[in-house]
């Protein structure tokens, strides 16, 4: 029974560490870019877009579709990097296993 109590304490400690790591992801940021950096998007580890920067040279009133594509590409790049960040941080606890609903 003592081993079971010890195991339960270890599980609880690991859960607390995982929750803390998930919270800390909100404070970590990644940047996605497109068009050689003329469009950049900053997102946090929770995949929340925090900032979009568009340099003036990216704006061509005659080609709005290009700007839309650049923004879309930069957002997807940032969100992909946020996923990578979360996976890297959480794999410390899961040993590389992907646990559905965890992150």
Protein backbone atom coordinates (compact mmCIF):
# COMPACT_ATOMS: atom_id res chain seq x y z
CA UNK A 1 0.00 0.00 0.00
CA UNK A 2 2.93 2.32 0.71
CA UNK A 3 4.15 1.97 -2.89
CA UNK A 4 0.69 2.93 -4.13
CA UNK A 5 0.67 6.11 -2.00
CA UNK A 6 4.13 7.01 -3.22
CA UNK A 7 3.08 6.45 -6.84
CA UNK A 8 -0.03 8.61 -6.35
CA UNK A 9 2.13 11.43 -4.93
CA UNK A 10 4.44 11.19 -7.94
CA UNK A 11 1.47 11.30 -10.33
CA UNK A 12 0.05 14.33 -8.53
CA UNK A 13 3.44 16.08 -8.66
CA UNK A 14 3.74 15.34 -12.38
CA UNK A 15 0.24 16.71 -12.99
CA UNK A 16 1.12 19.91 -11.15
CA UNK A 17 4.31 20.28 -13.19
CA UNK A 18 2.37 19.73 -16.42
CA UNK A 19 -0.21 22.35 -15.48
CA UNK A 20 2.55 24.82 -14.66
CA UNK A 21 4.27 24.09 -18.00
CA UNK A 22 0.97 24.63 -19.85
CA UNK A 23 0.47 27.96 -18.09
CA UNK A 24 4.03 29.01 -18.92
CA UNK A 25 3.34 28.40 -22.62
CA UNK A 26 1.16 31.50 -22.49
CA UNK A 27 4.24 33.56 -21.66
CA UNK A 28 6.41 32.11 -24.42
CA UNK A 29 6.25 33.57 -27.92
CA UNK A 30 7.12 32.48 -31.42
CA UNK A 31 7.28 34.46 -34.64
CA UNK A 32 6.11 33.41 -38.06
CA UNK A 33 7.14 35.32 -41.16
CA UNK A 34 6.37 35.49 -44.85
CA UNK A 35 7.72 37.32 -47.85
CA UNK A 36 11.23 37.49 -46.49
CA UNK A 37 10.02 39.13 -43.29
CA UNK A 38 7.74 41.80 -44.75
CA UNK A 39 4.89 40.22 -42.79
CA UNK A 40 5.49 38.84 -39.31
CA UNK A 41 3.12 37.36 -36.76
CA UNK A 42 3.83 36.83 -33.08
CA UNK A 43 1.86 34.16 -31.23
CA UNK A 44 2.14 32.64 -27.78
CA UNK A 45 2.39 28.98 -26.83
CA UNK A 46 -1.39 28.82 -26.48
CA UNK A 47 -1.68 29.64 -30.20
CA UNK A 48 -3.07 33.11 -29.56
CA UNK A 49 -1.95 35.68 -32.13
CA UNK A 50 -0.48 38.63 -30.23
CA UNK A 51 0.80 40.89 -32.99
CA UNK A 52 0.87 41.26 -36.76
CA UNK A 53 3.45 43.53 -38.39
CA UNK A 54 3.25 44.49 -42.06
CA UNK A 55 6.08 46.50 -43.57
CA UNK A 56 5.01 49.25 -46.00
CA UNK A 57 6.69 47.56 -48.95
CA UNK A 58 4.24 44.64 -48.59
CA UNK A 59 1.28 46.90 -49.30
CA UNK A 60 0.37 47.14 -52.97
CA UNK A 61 -3.18 48.45 -53.53
CA UNK A 62 -3.12 46.75 -56.93
CA UNK A 63 -2.39 43.33 -55.38
CA UNK A 64 -4.35 42.93 -52.16
CA UNK A 65 -4.48 39.16 -52.67
CA UNK A 66 -0.70 38.91 -52.31
CA UNK A 67 -0.85 40.70 -48.94
CA UNK A 68 -3.66 38.41 -47.81
CA UNK A 69 -1.58 35.38 -48.79
CA UNK A 70 1.45 36.75 -46.92
CA UNK A 71 -0.59 37.33 -43.76
CA UNK A 72 -2.13 33.88 -43.99
CA UNK A 73 1.28 32.27 -44.50
CA UNK A 74 2.81 34.17 -41.57
CA UNK A 75 -0.10 33.26 -39.25
CA UNK A 76 0.13 29.59 -40.18
CA UNK A 77 3.90 29.69 -39.68
CA UNK A 78 3.51 31.20 -36.21
CA UNK A 79 0.81 28.71 -35.19
CA UNK A 80 2.91 25.81 -36.45
CA UNK A 81 5.84 27.06 -34.37
CA UNK A 82 3.52 27.42 -31.36
CA UNK A 83 2.54 23.76 -31.79
CA UNK A 84 6.21 22.78 -31.96
CA UNK A 85 6.91 24.80 -28.81
CA UNK A 86 4.04 23.16 -26.92
CA UNK A 87 5.05 19.69 -28.09
CA UNK A 88 8.66 20.26 -27.05
CA UNK A 89 7.69 21.58 -23.62
CA UNK A 90 5.11 18.91 -22.88
CA UNK A 91 7.18 16.00 -24.21
CA UNK A 92 9.31 16.40 -21.09
CA UNK A 93 6.37 14.92 -19.20
CA UNK A 94 4.92 12.54 -21.74
CA UNK A 95 8.14 11.02 -23.01
CA UNK A 96 7.20 11.99 -26.56
CA UNK A 97 3.77 10.36 -26.45
CA UNK A 98 0.94 12.43 -27.91
CA UNK A 99 -1.84 12.33 -25.36
CA UNK A 100 -5.17 13.51 -26.85
CA UNK A 101 -6.60 16.57 -25.14
CA UNK A 102 -3.42 17.34 -23.25
CA UNK A 103 -2.19 20.11 -25.55
